[in-house]
PDB file of N, CA and C in Angstrom:
ATOM      1  N   MET A   1     -30.057 -11.057  -9.222  1.00  0.00           N
ATOM      2  CA  MET A   1     -29.840 -11.495  -8.077  1.00  0.00           C
ATOM      3  C   MET A   1     -31.077 -11.424  -7.535  1.00  0.00           C
ATOM      4  N   GLU A   2     -31.643 -12.026  -6.267  1.00  0.00           N
ATOM      5  CA  GLU A   2     -32.860 -11.992  -5.403  1.00  0.00           C
ATOM      6  C   GLU A   2     -32.521 -10.939  -4.450  1.00  0.00           C
ATOM      7  N   ALA A   3     -33.539  -9.878  -3.829  1.00  0.00           N
ATOM      8  CA  ALA A   3     -33.916  -8.813  -3.302  1.00  0.00           C
ATOM      9  C   ALA A   3     -33.196  -9.487  -1.845  1.00  0.00           C
ATOM     10  N   ASP A   4     -33.397 -10.306  -1.162  1.00  0.00           N
ATOM     11  CA  ASP A   4     -32.879 -11.229  -0.027  1.00  0.00           C
ATOM     12  C   ASP A   4     -31.538 -11.569   0.054  1.00  0.00           C
ATOM     13  N   ASN A   5     -30.905 -11.214  -0.753  1.00  0.00           N
ATOM     14  CA  ASN A   5     -29.512 -12.127  -0.633  1.00  0.00           C
ATOM     15  C   ASN A   5     -28.563 -11.046   0.031  1.00  0.00           C
ATOM     16  N   PRO A   6     -27.884 -11.639   0.937  1.00  0.00           N
ATOM     17  CA  PRO A   6     -27.380 -10.457   1.598  1.00  0.00           C
ATOM     18  C   PRO A   6     -25.769 -10.457   1.078  1.00  0.00           C
ATOM     19  N   CYS A   7     -25.516 -11.338   0.299  1.00  0.00           N
ATOM     20  CA  CYS A   7     -24.282 -11.094  -0.606  1.00  0.00           C
ATOM     21  C   CYS A   7     -24.418 -10.160  -1.997  1.00  0.00           C
ATOM     22  N   GLN A   8     -25.432  -9.835  -1.445  1.00  0.00           N
ATOM     23  CA  GLN A   8     -25.323  -8.590  -3.481  1.00  0.00           C
ATOM     24  C   GLN A   8     -23.880  -7.797  -3.426  1.00  0.00           C
ATOM     25  N   GLY A   9     -23.498  -7.799  -4.097  1.00  0.00           N
ATOM     26  CA  GLY A   9     -22.347  -6.433  -3.974  1.00  0.00           C
ATOM     27  C   GLY A   9     -20.836  -7.074  -3.418  1.00  0.00           C
ATOM     28  N   CYS A  10     -21.440  -8.604  -3.247  1.00  0.00           N
ATOM     29  CA  CYS A  10     -19.577  -8.483  -2.031  1.00  0.00           C
ATOM     30  C   CYS A  10     -19.262 -10.242  -3.095  1.00  0.00           C
ATOM     31  N   SER A  11     -18.089 -10.455  -3.053  1.00  0.00           N
ATOM     32  CA  SER A  11     -17.581 -11.939  -3.482  1.00  0.00           C
ATOM     33  C   SER A  11     -16.423 -12.053  -2.450  1.00  0.00           C
ATOM     34  N   LYS A  12     -16.360 -10.878  -1.322  1.00  0.00           N
ATOM     35  CA  LYS A  12     -15.045 -11.571  -0.580  1.00  0.00           C
ATOM     36  C   LYS A  12     -14.798 -13.161  -0.193  1.00  0.00           C
ATOM     37  N   CYS A  13     -15.909 -13.276  -0.212  1.00  0.00           N
ATOM     38  CA  CYS A  13     -15.789 -15.476  -0.039  1.00  0.00           C
ATOM     39  C   CYS A  13     -15.206 -15.811  -0.918  1.00  0.00           C
ATOM     40  N   CYS A  14     -16.183 -15.392  -1.922  1.00  0.00           N
ATOM     41  CA  CYS A  14     -15.481 -16.212  -3.314  1.00  0.00           C
ATOM     42  C   CYS A  14     -14.096 -15.569  -4.228  1.00  0.00           C
ATOM     43  N   ARG A  15     -13.447 -15.066  -3.747  1.00  0.00           N
ATOM     44  CA  ARG A  15     -12.244 -14.889  -3.976  1.00  0.00           C
ATOM     45  C   ARG A  15     -11.203 -15.572  -3.660  1.00  0.00           C
ATOM     46  N   TYR A  16     -10.915 -16.853  -2.735  1.00  0.00           N
ATOM     47  CA  TYR A  16     -10.014 -17.742  -2.628  1.00  0.00           C
ATOM     48  C   TYR A  16     -11.139 -18.932  -1.790  1.00  0.00           C
ATOM     49  N   VAL A  17      -9.561 -19.878  -1.655  1.00  0.00           N
ATOM     50  CA  VAL A  17     -10.115 -21.190  -0.620  1.00  0.00           C
ATOM     51  C   VAL A  17      -9.138 -21.073   0.257  1.00  0.00           C
ATOM     52  N   ALA A  18      -9.963 -21.931   1.079  1.00  0.00           N
ATOM     53  CA  ALA A  18      -9.142 -21.853   2.506  1.00  0.00           C
ATOM     54  C   ALA A  18      -9.602 -23.157   3.118  1.00  0.00           C
ATOM     55  N   MET A  19      -8.705 -24.370   3.764  1.00  0.00           N
ATOM     56  CA  MET A  19      -8.131 -25.775   4.421  1.00  0.00           C
ATOM     57  C   MET A  19      -7.608 -25.606   5.940  1.00  0.00           C
ATOM     58  N   GLU A  20      -8.225 -26.310   6.053  1.00  0.00           N
ATOM     59  CA  GLU A  20      -7.315 -26.616   7.987  1.00  0.00           C
ATOM     60  C   GLU A  20      -6.560 -27.644   7.429  1.00  0.00           C
ATOM     61  N   ILE A  21      -5.738 -27.206   7.861  1.00  0.00           N
ATOM     62  CA  ILE A  21      -4.371 -28.115   7.527  1.00  0.00           C
ATOM     63  C   ILE A  21      -3.538 -28.267   9.610  1.00  0.00           C
ATOM     64  N   ASP A  22      -3.120 -29.580   9.018  1.00  0.00           N
ATOM     65  CA  ASP A  22      -2.651 -29.380  10.651  1.00  0.00           C
ATOM     66  C   ASP A  22      -1.544 -28.379  11.192  1.00  0.00           C
ATOM     67  N   LYS A  23      -1.894 -28.537  12.486  1.00  0.00           N
ATOM     68  CA  LYS A  23      -1.012 -27.160  13.286  1.00  0.00           C
ATOM     69  C   LYS A  23       0.537 -28.230  13.014  1.00  0.00           C
ATOM     70  N   PRO A  24       1.466 -27.504  12.794  1.00  0.00           N
ATOM     71  CA  PRO A  24       3.073 -27.947  12.690  1.00  0.00           C
ATOM     72  C   PRO A  24       3.316 -27.803  14.270  1.00  0.00           C
ATOM     73  N   GLU A  25       4.288 -29.217  13.685  1.00  0.00           N
ATOM     74  CA  GLU A  25       4.844 -29.431  15.392  1.00  0.00           C
ATOM     75  C   GLU A  25       6.357 -29.815  14.889  1.00  0.00           C
ATOM     76  N   ASP A  26       6.882 -30.061  13.951  1.00  0.00           N
ATOM     77  CA  ASP A  26       8.331 -29.940  13.794  1.00  0.00           C
ATOM     78  C   ASP A  26       8.960 -29.431  12.874  1.00  0.00           C
ATOM     79  N   GLN A  27      10.383 -29.397  12.371  1.00  0.00           N
ATOM     80  CA  GLN A  27      10.915 -28.914  11.742  1.00  0.00           C
ATOM     81  C   GLN A  27      10.138 -29.228  10.357  1.00  0.00           C
ATOM     82  N   LYS A  28      10.183 -30.133  10.175  1.00  0.00           N
ATOM     83  CA  LYS A  28       9.486 -30.843   8.205  1.00  0.00           C
ATOM     84  C   LYS A  28       8.426 -30.526   8.747  1.00  0.00           C
ATOM     85  N   ASP A  29       7.621 -29.788   9.554  1.00  0.00           N
ATOM     86  CA  ASP A  29       6.113 -29.034   9.099  1.00  0.00           C
ATOM     87  C   ASP A  29       6.486 -28.093   9.162  1.00  0.00           C
ATOM     88  N   PHE A  30       7.177 -27.040   9.560  1.00  0.00           N
ATOM     89  CA  PHE A  30       7.546 -25.996  10.030  1.00  0.00           C
ATOM     90  C   PHE A  30       8.025 -25.136   7.790  1.00  0.00           C
ATOM     91  N   ASP A  31       8.544 -26.293   7.502  1.00  0.00           N
ATOM     92  CA  ASP A  31       9.320 -25.953   6.638  1.00  0.00           C
ATOM     93  C   ASP A  31       8.278 -25.847   5.589  1.00  0.00           C
ATOM     94  N   GLN A  32       6.860 -26.902   5.461  1.00  0.00           N
ATOM     95  CA  GLN A  32       6.110 -27.457   4.576  1.00  0.00           C
ATOM     96  C   GLN A  32       5.727 -26.066   4.682  1.00  0.00           C
ATOM     97  N   ILE A  33       5.369 -25.573   5.793  1.00  0.00           N
ATOM     98  CA  ILE A  33       4.582 -23.749   5.325  1.00  0.00           C
ATOM     99  C   ILE A  33       5.153 -22.885   5.077  1.00  0.00           C
ATOM    100  N   LYS A  34       6.388 -22.926   5.425  1.00  0.00           N
ATOM    101  CA  LYS A  34       6.970 -22.087   4.602  1.00  0.00           C
ATOM    102  C   LYS A  34       7.142 -21.998   2.763  1.00  0.00           C
ATOM    103  N   TRP A  35       7.695 -22.983   2.669  1.00  0.00           N
ATOM    104  CA  TRP A  35       7.252 -23.804   1.317  1.00  0.00           C
ATOM    105  C   TRP A  35       5.624 -23.168   0.811  1.00  0.00           C
ATOM    106  N   PHE A  36       4.604 -23.219   1.461  1.00  0.00           N
ATOM    107  CA  PHE A  36       3.674 -23.086   0.474  1.00  0.00           C
ATOM    108  C   PHE A  36       3.416 -21.041   0.781  1.00  0.00           C
ATOM    109  N   LEU A  37       4.518 -20.599   1.384  1.00  0.00           N
ATOM    110  CA  LEU A  37       4.341 -19.247   1.883  1.00  0.00           C
ATOM    111  C   LEU A  37       5.163 -18.307   0.651  1.00  0.00           C
ATOM    112  N   VAL A  38       6.270 -19.279   0.006  1.00  0.00           N
ATOM    113  CA  VAL A  38       6.505 -18.837  -1.351  1.00  0.00           C
ATOM    114  C   VAL A  38       6.345 -18.638  -2.277  1.00  0.00           C
ATOM    115  N   HIS A  39       4.794 -19.482  -2.721  1.00  0.00           N
ATOM    116  CA  HIS A  39       3.960 -19.514  -3.657  1.00  0.00           C
ATOM    117  C   HIS A  39       3.090 -18.045  -3.839  1.00  0.00           C
ATOM    118  N   LYS A  40       2.895 -17.933  -5.272  1.00  0.00           N
ATOM    119  CA  LYS A  40       2.123 -16.330  -5.282  1.00  0.00           C
ATOM    120  C   LYS A  40       1.045 -16.715  -4.829  1.00  0.00           C
ATOM    121  N   ASP A  41       0.120 -15.783  -4.266  1.00  0.00           N
ATOM    122  CA  ASP A  41      -1.413 -15.912  -3.521  1.00  0.00           C
ATOM    123  C   ASP A  41      -1.497 -16.989  -2.516  1.00  0.00           C
ATOM    124  N   VAL A  42      -0.447 -17.654  -1.708  1.00  0.00           N
ATOM    125  CA  VAL A  42      -1.166 -18.413  -0.878  1.00  0.00           C
ATOM    126  C   VAL A  42      -0.537 -18.413   0.604  1.00  0.00           C
ATOM    127  N   TRP A  43      -1.825 -18.174   1.394  1.00  0.00           N
ATOM    128  CA  TRP A  43      -1.108 -17.328   2.377  1.00  0.00           C
ATOM    129  C   TRP A  43      -1.469 -18.705   3.368  1.00  0.00           C
ATOM    130  N   ILE A  44      -1.205 -18.426   4.974  1.00  0.00           N
ATOM    131  CA  ILE A  44      -1.301 -19.064   5.965  1.00  0.00           C
ATOM    132  C   ILE A  44      -1.573 -18.706   7.066  1.00  0.00           C
ATOM    133  N   PHE A  45      -3.115 -19.005   7.707  1.00  0.00           N
ATOM    134  CA  PHE A  45      -3.393 -18.613   9.059  1.00  0.00           C
ATOM    135  C   PHE A  45      -4.280 -19.200  10.216  1.00  0.00           C
ATOM    136  N   ILE A  46      -4.578 -18.195  11.617  1.00  0.00           N
ATOM    137  CA  ILE A  46      -4.797 -19.733  12.831  1.00  0.00           C
ATOM    138  C   ILE A  46      -6.112 -18.070  12.976  1.00  0.00           C
ATOM    139  N   ASP A  47      -7.530 -19.688  12.830  1.00  0.00           N
ATOM    140  CA  ASP A  47      -8.537 -18.843  12.775  1.00  0.00           C
ATOM    141  C   ASP A  47      -8.812 -19.127  14.529  1.00  0.00           C
ATOM    142  N   HIS A  48     -10.087 -17.862  14.670  1.00  0.00           N
ATOM    143  CA  HIS A  48     -10.415 -18.445  15.778  1.00  0.00           C
ATOM    144  C   HIS A  48     -10.811 -19.494  17.178  1.00  0.00           C
ATOM    145  N   ASP A  49     -10.263 -20.161  16.467  1.00  0.00           N
ATOM    146  CA  ASP A  49     -10.615 -21.723  16.837  1.00  0.00           C
ATOM    147  C   ASP A  49      -9.374 -22.466  17.676  1.00  0.00           C
ATOM    148  N   ASN A  50      -8.383 -21.574  16.806  1.00  0.00           N
ATOM    149  CA  ASN A  50      -6.765 -21.864  16.708  1.00  0.00           C
ATOM    150  C   ASN A  50      -6.258 -23.120  15.907  1.00  0.00           C
ATOM    151  N   SER A  51      -7.167 -22.905  15.191  1.00  0.00           N
ATOM    152  CA  SER A  51      -7.021 -24.063  13.770  1.00  0.00           C
ATOM    153  C   SER A  51      -5.988 -23.267  12.655  1.00  0.00           C
ATOM    154  N   TRP A  52      -4.984 -24.561  11.877  1.00  0.00           N
ATOM    155  CA  TRP A  52      -4.146 -23.416  11.288  1.00  0.00           C
ATOM    156  C   TRP A  52      -4.779 -23.541   9.340  1.00  0.00           C
ATOM    157  N   ASN A  53      -4.573 -23.608   8.754  1.00  0.00           N
ATOM    158  CA  ASN A  53      -5.567 -22.951   7.619  1.00  0.00           C
ATOM    159  C   ASN A  53      -4.517 -22.247   6.648  1.00  0.00           C
ATOM    160  N   ILE A  54      -4.857 -23.126   5.464  1.00  0.00           N
ATOM    161  CA  ILE A  54      -4.083 -22.504   4.028  1.00  0.00           C
ATOM    162  C   ILE A  54      -4.994 -21.795   3.529  1.00  0.00           C
ATOM    163  N   GLN A  55      -4.886 -20.876   2.642  1.00  0.00           N
ATOM    164  CA  GLN A  55      -5.493 -20.066   1.808  1.00  0.00           C
ATOM    165  C   GLN A  55      -5.379 -19.816   0.774  1.00  0.00           C
ATOM    166  N   PHE A  56      -5.869 -20.052  -0.647  1.00  0.00           N
ATOM    167  CA  PHE A  56      -5.411 -20.022  -1.975  1.00  0.00           C
ATOM    168  C   PHE A  56      -5.981 -19.014  -2.609  1.00  0.00           C
ATOM    169  N   ASN A  57      -5.813 -17.868  -2.571  1.00  0.00           N
ATOM    170  CA  ASN A  57      -6.200 -16.537  -3.230  1.00  0.00           C
ATOM    171  C   ASN A  57      -6.230 -16.253  -4.978  1.00  0.00           C
ATOM    172  N   THR A  58      -7.707 -17.288  -5.205  1.00  0.00           N
ATOM    173  CA  THR A  58      -8.371 -17.316  -6.575  1.00  0.00           C
ATOM    174  C   THR A  58     -10.074 -17.357  -6.758  1.00  0.00           C
ATOM    175  N   PRO A  59      -9.801 -16.751  -7.658  1.00  0.00           N
ATOM    176  CA  PRO A  59     -11.595 -16.297  -7.428  1.00  0.00           C
ATOM    177  C   PRO A  59     -12.497 -17.408  -8.113  1.00  0.00           C
ATOM    178  N   CYS A  60     -13.603 -17.354  -7.636  1.00  0.00           N
ATOM    179  CA  CYS A  60     -14.712 -18.332  -8.277  1.00  0.00           C
ATOM    180  C   CYS A  60     -14.414 -18.245  -9.798  1.00  0.00           C
ATOM    181  N   GLU A  61     -14.342 -18.623 -11.303  1.00  0.00           N
ATOM    182  CA  GLU A  61     -14.744 -18.762 -12.304  1.00  0.00           C
ATOM    183  C   GLU A  61     -15.991 -18.723 -12.767  1.00  0.00           C
ATOM    184  N   LYS A  62     -17.030 -18.431 -11.492  1.00  0.00           N
ATOM    185  CA  LYS A  62     -18.797 -18.035 -11.788  1.00  0.00           C
ATOM    186  C   LYS A  62     -19.059 -16.549 -11.507  1.00  0.00           C
ATOM    187  N   LEU A  63     -17.664 -16.213 -10.938  1.00  0.00           N
ATOM    188  CA  LEU A  63     -18.012 -14.651 -10.758  1.00  0.00           C
ATOM    189  C   LEU A  63     -17.983 -13.895 -11.771  1.00  0.00           C
ATOM    190  N   ASN A  64     -19.190 -12.844 -11.721  1.00  0.00           N
ATOM    191  CA  ASN A  64     -19.006 -11.690 -12.958  1.00  0.00           C
ATOM    192  C   ASN A  64     -19.130 -10.792 -12.523  1.00  0.00           C
ATOM    193  N   GLY A  65     -17.872  -9.340 -12.536  1.00  0.00           N
ATOM    194  CA  GLY A  65     -17.698  -8.529 -11.167  1.00  0.00           C
ATOM    195  C   GLY A  65     -18.096  -9.117 -10.027  1.00  0.00           C
ATOM    196  N   ASN A  66     -18.470  -8.745  -8.982  1.00  0.00           N
ATOM    197  CA  ASN A  66     -18.661  -9.225  -7.656  1.00  0.00           C
ATOM    198  C   ASN A  66     -20.317  -9.509  -7.822  1.00  0.00           C
ATOM    199  N   LEU A  67     -20.888 -10.331  -9.162  1.00  0.00           N
ATOM    200  CA  LEU A  67     -21.959 -11.027  -8.569  1.00  0.00           C
ATOM    201  C   LEU A  67     -22.016 -12.307  -9.249  1.00  0.00           C
ATOM    202  N   CYS A  68     -22.213 -13.657  -8.096  1.00  0.00           N
ATOM    203  CA  CYS A  68     -22.282 -14.797  -8.919  1.00  0.00           C
ATOM    204  C   CYS A  68     -23.173 -15.369  -9.939  1.00  0.00           C
ATOM    205  N   GLY A  69     -22.620 -15.535 -10.741  1.00  0.00           N
ATOM    206  CA  GLY A  69     -22.935 -15.898 -12.190  1.00  0.00           C
ATOM    207  C   GLY A  69     -24.083 -17.058 -12.031  1.00  0.00           C
ATOM    208  N   ILE A  70     -24.018 -18.178 -10.825  1.00  0.00           N
ATOM    209  CA  ILE A  70     -24.811 -19.232 -10.869  1.00  0.00           C
ATOM    210  C   ILE A  70     -25.347 -18.867  -9.646  1.00  0.00           C
ATOM    211  N   TYR A  71     -25.875 -17.873  -9.029  1.00  0.00           N
ATOM    212  CA  TYR A  71     -26.033 -17.745  -7.769  1.00  0.00           C
ATOM    213  C   TYR A  71     -27.605 -18.819  -7.357  1.00  0.00           C
ATOM    214  N   LYS A  72     -28.123 -19.071  -8.393  1.00  0.00           N
ATOM    215  CA  LYS A  72     -29.723 -19.963  -8.127  1.00  0.00           C
ATOM    216  C   LYS A  72     -28.850 -21.104  -7.998  1.00  0.00           C
ATOM    217  N   THR A  73     -27.735 -21.170  -8.885  1.00  0.00           N
ATOM    218  CA  THR A  73     -27.557 -22.676  -8.590  1.00  0.00           C
ATOM    219  C   THR A  73     -25.989 -23.254  -8.032  1.00  0.00           C
ATOM    220  N   ARG A  74     -25.846 -22.258  -7.100  1.00  0.00           N
ATOM    221  CA  ARG A  74     -24.667 -22.514  -6.650  1.00  0.00           C
ATOM    222  C   ARG A  74     -24.682 -23.916  -5.746  1.00  0.00           C
ATOM    223  N   PRO A  75     -23.412 -24.092  -5.839  1.00  0.00           N
ATOM    224  CA  PRO A  75     -22.886 -25.226  -4.670  1.00  0.00           C
ATOM    225  C   PRO A  75     -23.355 -25.292  -3.175  1.00  0.00           C
ATOM    226  N   GLN A  76     -23.921 -26.581  -3.074  1.00  0.00           N
ATOM    227  CA  GLN A  76     -24.244 -26.269  -1.226  1.00  0.00           C
ATOM    228  C   GLN A  76     -23.150 -25.579  -0.498  1.00  0.00           C
ATOM    229  N   ILE A  77     -22.206 -26.192  -0.599  1.00  0.00           N
ATOM    230  CA  ILE A  77     -20.991 -24.939   0.558  1.00  0.00           C
ATOM    231  C   ILE A  77     -21.358 -23.429   0.827  1.00  0.00           C
ATOM    232  N   CYS A  78     -21.718 -22.889  -0.947  1.00  0.00           N
ATOM    233  CA  CYS A  78     -21.847 -21.504  -0.723  1.00  0.00           C
ATOM    234  C   CYS A  78     -23.225 -20.942  -0.298  1.00  0.00           C
ATOM    235  N   ARG A  79     -24.432 -22.390  -0.492  1.00  0.00           N
ATOM    236  CA  ARG A  79     -25.673 -22.282  -0.033  1.00  0.00           C
ATOM    237  C   ARG A  79     -25.692 -22.143   1.669  1.00  0.00           C
ATOM    238  N   ASP A  80     -24.849 -23.268   2.001  1.00  0.00           N
ATOM    239  CA  ASP A  80     -24.506 -22.980   3.439  1.00  0.00           C
ATOM    240  C   ASP A  80     -23.483 -22.048   4.359  1.00  0.00           C
ATOM    241  N   TYR A  81     -22.877 -21.467   3.448  1.00  0.00           N
ATOM    242  CA  TYR A  81     -22.275 -20.679   4.286  1.00  0.00           C
ATOM    243  C   TYR A  81     -23.001 -19.113   4.897  1.00  0.00           C
ATOM    244  N   SER A  82     -22.822 -18.624   6.711  1.00  0.00           N
ATOM    245  CA  SER A  82     -23.189 -17.803   6.806  1.00  0.00           C
ATOM    246  C   SER A  82     -23.257 -16.287   6.649  1.00  0.00           C
ATOM    247  N   SER A  83     -23.669 -15.627   6.480  1.00  0.00           N
ATOM    248  CA  SER A  83     -23.494 -13.811   6.266  1.00  0.00           C
ATOM    249  C   SER A  83     -22.959 -13.577   7.905  1.00  0.00           C
ATOM    250  N   GLU A  84     -24.006 -14.918   9.011  1.00  0.00           N
ATOM    251  CA  GLU A  84     -23.581 -14.249  10.408  1.00  0.00           C
ATOM    252  C   GLU A  84     -21.804 -14.049  10.504  1.00  0.00           C
ATOM    253  N   ASN A  85     -21.355 -14.785   9.895  1.00  0.00           N
ATOM    254  CA  ASN A  85     -19.900 -14.503  10.258  1.00  0.00           C
ATOM    255  C   ASN A  85     -18.648 -14.606   8.989  1.00  0.00           C
ATOM    256  N   CYS A  86     -19.625 -13.807   8.097  1.00  0.00           N
ATOM    257  CA  CYS A  86     -18.940 -13.489   6.594  1.00  0.00           C
ATOM    258  C   CYS A  86     -17.364 -12.360   6.779  1.00  0.00           C
ATOM    259  N   GLU A  87     -17.097 -11.989   6.291  1.00  0.00           N
ATOM    260  CA  GLU A  87     -16.006 -10.824   6.226  1.00  0.00           C
ATOM    261  C   GLU A  87     -16.609  -9.671   6.179  1.00  0.00           C
ATOM    262  N   LYS A  88     -17.473  -9.996   5.111  1.00  0.00           N
ATOM    263  CA  LYS A  88     -18.638  -8.578   5.152  1.00  0.00           C
ATOM    264  C   LYS A  88     -19.806  -7.914   6.367  1.00  0.00           C
ATOM    265  N   TYR A  89     -20.093  -8.988   6.892  1.00  0.00           N
ATOM    266  CA  TYR A  89     -20.994  -8.652   8.345  1.00  0.00           C
ATOM    267  C   TYR A  89     -20.721  -9.581   9.812  1.00  0.00           C
ATOM    268  N   GLY A  90     -19.543 -10.077   9.809  1.00  0.00           N
ATOM    269  CA  GLY A  90     -18.795 -10.733  10.847  1.00  0.00           C
ATOM    270  C   GLY A  90     -18.296  -9.456  11.290  1.00  0.00           C
ATOM    271  N   ALA A  91     -17.872 -10.076  12.732  1.00  0.00           N
ATOM    272  CA  ALA A  91     -17.311  -9.252  13.910  1.00  0.00           C
ATOM    273  C   ALA A  91     -15.990  -9.187  13.747  1.00  0.00           C
ATOM    274  N   GLY A  92     -15.314  -8.580  13.564  1.00  0.00           N
ATOM    275  CA  GLY A  92     -13.595  -8.064  13.558  1.00  0.00           C
ATOM    276  C   GLY A  92     -12.609  -8.901  12.553  1.00  0.00           C
ATOM    277  N   ASP A  93     -11.261  -9.714  12.380  1.00  0.00           N
ATOM    278  CA  ASP A  93     -11.354 -10.602  11.164  1.00  0.00           C
ATOM    279  C   ASP A  93     -11.349 -12.228  11.224  1.00  0.00           C
ATOM    280  N   SER A  94     -11.843 -12.744  10.506  1.00  0.00           N
ATOM    281  CA  SER A  94     -11.881 -13.855  10.752  1.00  0.00           C
ATOM    282  C   SER A  94     -10.624 -14.733  11.045  1.00  0.00           C
ATOM    283  N   PHE A  95      -9.527 -13.990  11.547  1.00  0.00           N
ATOM    284  CA  PHE A  95      -8.577 -14.795  11.603  1.00  0.00           C
ATOM    285  C   PHE A  95      -7.678 -14.184  12.927  1.00  0.00           C
ATOM    286  N   LYS A  96      -6.815 -14.725  13.864  1.00  0.00           N
ATOM    287  CA  LYS A  96      -5.980 -14.196  14.676  1.00  0.00           C
ATOM    288  C   LYS A  96      -4.622 -14.334  14.461  1.00  0.00           C
ATOM    289  N   LEU A  97      -3.981 -14.980  13.244  1.00  0.00           N
ATOM    290  CA  LEU A  97      -2.812 -14.341  12.642  1.00  0.00           C
ATOM    291  C   LEU A  97      -2.808 -14.679  11.470  1.00  0.00           C
ATOM    292  N   LEU A  98      -2.482 -13.959  11.033  1.00  0.00           N
ATOM    293  CA  LEU A  98      -2.250 -14.603   9.121  1.00  0.00           C
ATOM    294  C   LEU A  98      -0.808 -14.381   8.809  1.00  0.00           C
ATOM    295  N   TRP A  99      -0.149 -15.022   7.799  1.00  0.00           N
ATOM    296  CA  TRP A  99       1.073 -14.650   6.341  1.00  0.00           C
ATOM    297  C   TRP A  99       0.914 -14.530   5.551  1.00  0.00           C
ATOM    298  N   LYS A 100       1.027 -14.129   4.928  1.00  0.00           N
ATOM    299  CA  LYS A 100       1.129 -13.741   3.481  1.00  0.00           C
ATOM    300  C   LYS A 100       1.909 -13.865   2.582  1.00  0.00           C
ATOM    301  N   ASN A 101       3.121 -14.067   3.206  1.00  0.00           N
ATOM    302  CA  ASN A 101       5.077 -14.353   2.554  1.00  0.00           C
ATOM    303  C   ASN A 101       5.642 -15.106   3.958  1.00  0.00           C
ATOM    304  N   MET A 102       6.872 -15.680   3.436  1.00  0.00           N
ATOM    305  CA  MET A 102       8.224 -16.736   4.396  1.00  0.00           C
ATOM    306  C   MET A 102       8.582 -15.681   5.117  1.00  0.00           C
ATOM    307  N   GLU A 103       8.690 -14.478   4.887  1.00  0.00           N
ATOM    308  CA  GLU A 103       9.212 -13.655   5.887  1.00  0.00           C
ATOM    309  C   GLU A 103       8.906 -12.882   6.828  1.00  0.00           C
ATOM    310  N   GLU A 104       7.080 -12.549   6.639  1.00  0.00           N
ATOM    311  CA  GLU A 104       6.054 -12.331   7.774  1.00  0.00           C
ATOM    312  C   GLU A 104       5.906 -13.870   8.687  1.00  0.00           C
ATOM    313  N   PHE A 105       5.969 -15.062   8.440  1.00  0.00           N
ATOM    314  CA  PHE A 105       6.190 -16.328   8.813  1.00  0.00           C
ATOM    315  C   PHE A 105       7.571 -16.623   9.891  1.00  0.00           C
ATOM    316  N   GLU A 106       8.377 -16.219   9.117  1.00  0.00           N
ATOM    317  CA  GLU A 106      10.253 -15.355   9.687  1.00  0.00           C
ATOM    318  C   GLU A 106       9.969 -14.965  11.083  1.00  0.00           C
ATOM    319  N   GLU A 107       9.666 -14.126  10.666  1.00  0.00           N
ATOM    320  CA  GLU A 107       9.576 -12.850  11.846  1.00  0.00           C
ATOM    321  C   GLU A 107       9.099 -13.318  13.078  1.00  0.00           C
ATOM    322  N   TYR A 108       7.618 -13.859  12.846  1.00  0.00           N
ATOM    323  CA  TYR A 108       6.966 -14.456  13.597  1.00  0.00           C
ATOM    324  C   TYR A 108       7.739 -15.582  14.656  1.00  0.00           C
ATOM    325  N   LEU A 109       8.084 -16.679  13.870  1.00  0.00           N
ATOM    326  CA  LEU A 109       9.248 -17.388  14.410  1.00  0.00           C
ATOM    327  C   LEU A 109      10.121 -17.262  15.464  1.00  0.00           C
ATOM    328  N   LEU A 110      10.726 -15.936  15.079  1.00  0.00           N
ATOM    329  CA  LEU A 110      11.547 -15.469  15.653  1.00  0.00           C
ATOM    330  C   LEU A 110      11.168 -14.619  16.644  1.00  0.00           C
ATOM    331  N   GLY A 111      10.337 -14.402  16.935  1.00  0.00           N
ATOM    332  CA  GLY A 111       9.357 -13.033  17.583  1.00  0.00           C
ATOM    333  C   GLY A 111       8.707 -14.531  19.148  1.00  0.00           C
ATOM    334  N   SER A 112       9.337 -15.843  18.515  1.00  0.00           N
ATOM    335  CA  SER A 112       7.862 -16.559  19.406  1.00  0.00           C
ATOM    336  C   SER A 112       8.584 -17.442  20.168  1.00  0.00           C
ATOM    337  N   SER A 113       9.074 -17.278  21.625  1.00  0.00           N
ATOM    338  CA  SER A 113      10.220 -18.410  22.651  1.00  0.00           C
ATOM    339  C   SER A 113       9.143 -19.916  21.817  1.00  0.00           C
ATOM    340  N   LYS A 114       8.110 -20.069  21.565  1.00  0.00           N
ATOM    341  CA  LYS A 114       7.824 -21.283  21.501  1.00  0.00           C
ATOM    342  C   LYS A 114       8.214 -21.507  20.182  1.00  0.00           C
ATOM    343  N   TYR A 115       8.327 -21.205  18.983  1.00  0.00           N
ATOM    344  CA  TYR A 115       8.733 -21.288  17.910  1.00  0.00           C
ATOM    345  C   TYR A 115       9.899 -21.280  17.382  1.00  0.00           C
ATOM    346  N   SER A 116      10.681 -20.205  18.148  1.00  0.00           N
ATOM    347  CA  SER A 116      11.717 -19.895  17.323  1.00  0.00           C
ATOM    348  C   SER A 116      13.290 -20.464  16.814  1.00  0.00           C
ATOM    349  N   LYS A 117      12.709 -21.951  17.590  1.00  0.00           N
ATOM    350  CA  LYS A 117      13.510 -23.344  17.345  1.00  0.00           C
ATOM    351  C   LYS A 117      13.397 -23.492  15.437  1.00  0.00           C
ATOM    352  N   PHE A 118      12.507 -22.913  15.236  1.00  0.00           N
ATOM    353  CA  PHE A 118      11.835 -23.326  13.495  1.00  0.00           C
ATOM    354  C   PHE A 118      11.604 -22.740  12.304  1.00  0.00           C
ATOM    355  N   ALA A 119      12.440 -20.888  13.072  1.00  0.00           N
ATOM    356  CA  ALA A 119      13.191 -20.345  11.998  1.00  0.00           C
ATOM    357  C   ALA A 119      14.483 -20.557  11.568  1.00  0.00           C
ATOM    358  N   LEU A 120      14.416 -19.778   9.932  1.00  0.00           N
ATOM    359  CA  LEU A 120      15.303 -20.428   9.722  1.00  0.00           C
ATOM    360  C   LEU A 120      16.980 -19.918  10.133  1.00  0.00           C
ATOM    361  N   ARG A 121      17.771 -20.297  10.399  1.00  0.00           N
ATOM    362  CA  ARG A 121      19.279 -20.027  10.495  1.00  0.00           C
ATOM    363  C   ARG A 121      20.368 -19.436  10.186  1.00  0.00           C
TER     364      ARG A 121
END
């Protein structure tokens, strides 16, 4: 690893893949989110830009412990990721709301005047 590597010894962002999804609007959309959440190691979160995201908790195959085994030749998306807003150096959580399972999501829906109609009945 290079001495100027701010990621040295950290691999938090290398342990999952997250992608933006459409904000749920109807029963079918909310059911799809529940379906995502009944799968092992799949989370849903709302980030600070209010976008909805799905997170697959699966480590990069090039990790060697907490070190990147291909640091010098890693993909461009890894190179472009800024340590200014990463989980290690960024300020606060990288999400506003996070659900790790369907039960947490159902609890949120039941407590929300806006979304309670989408909770299980």
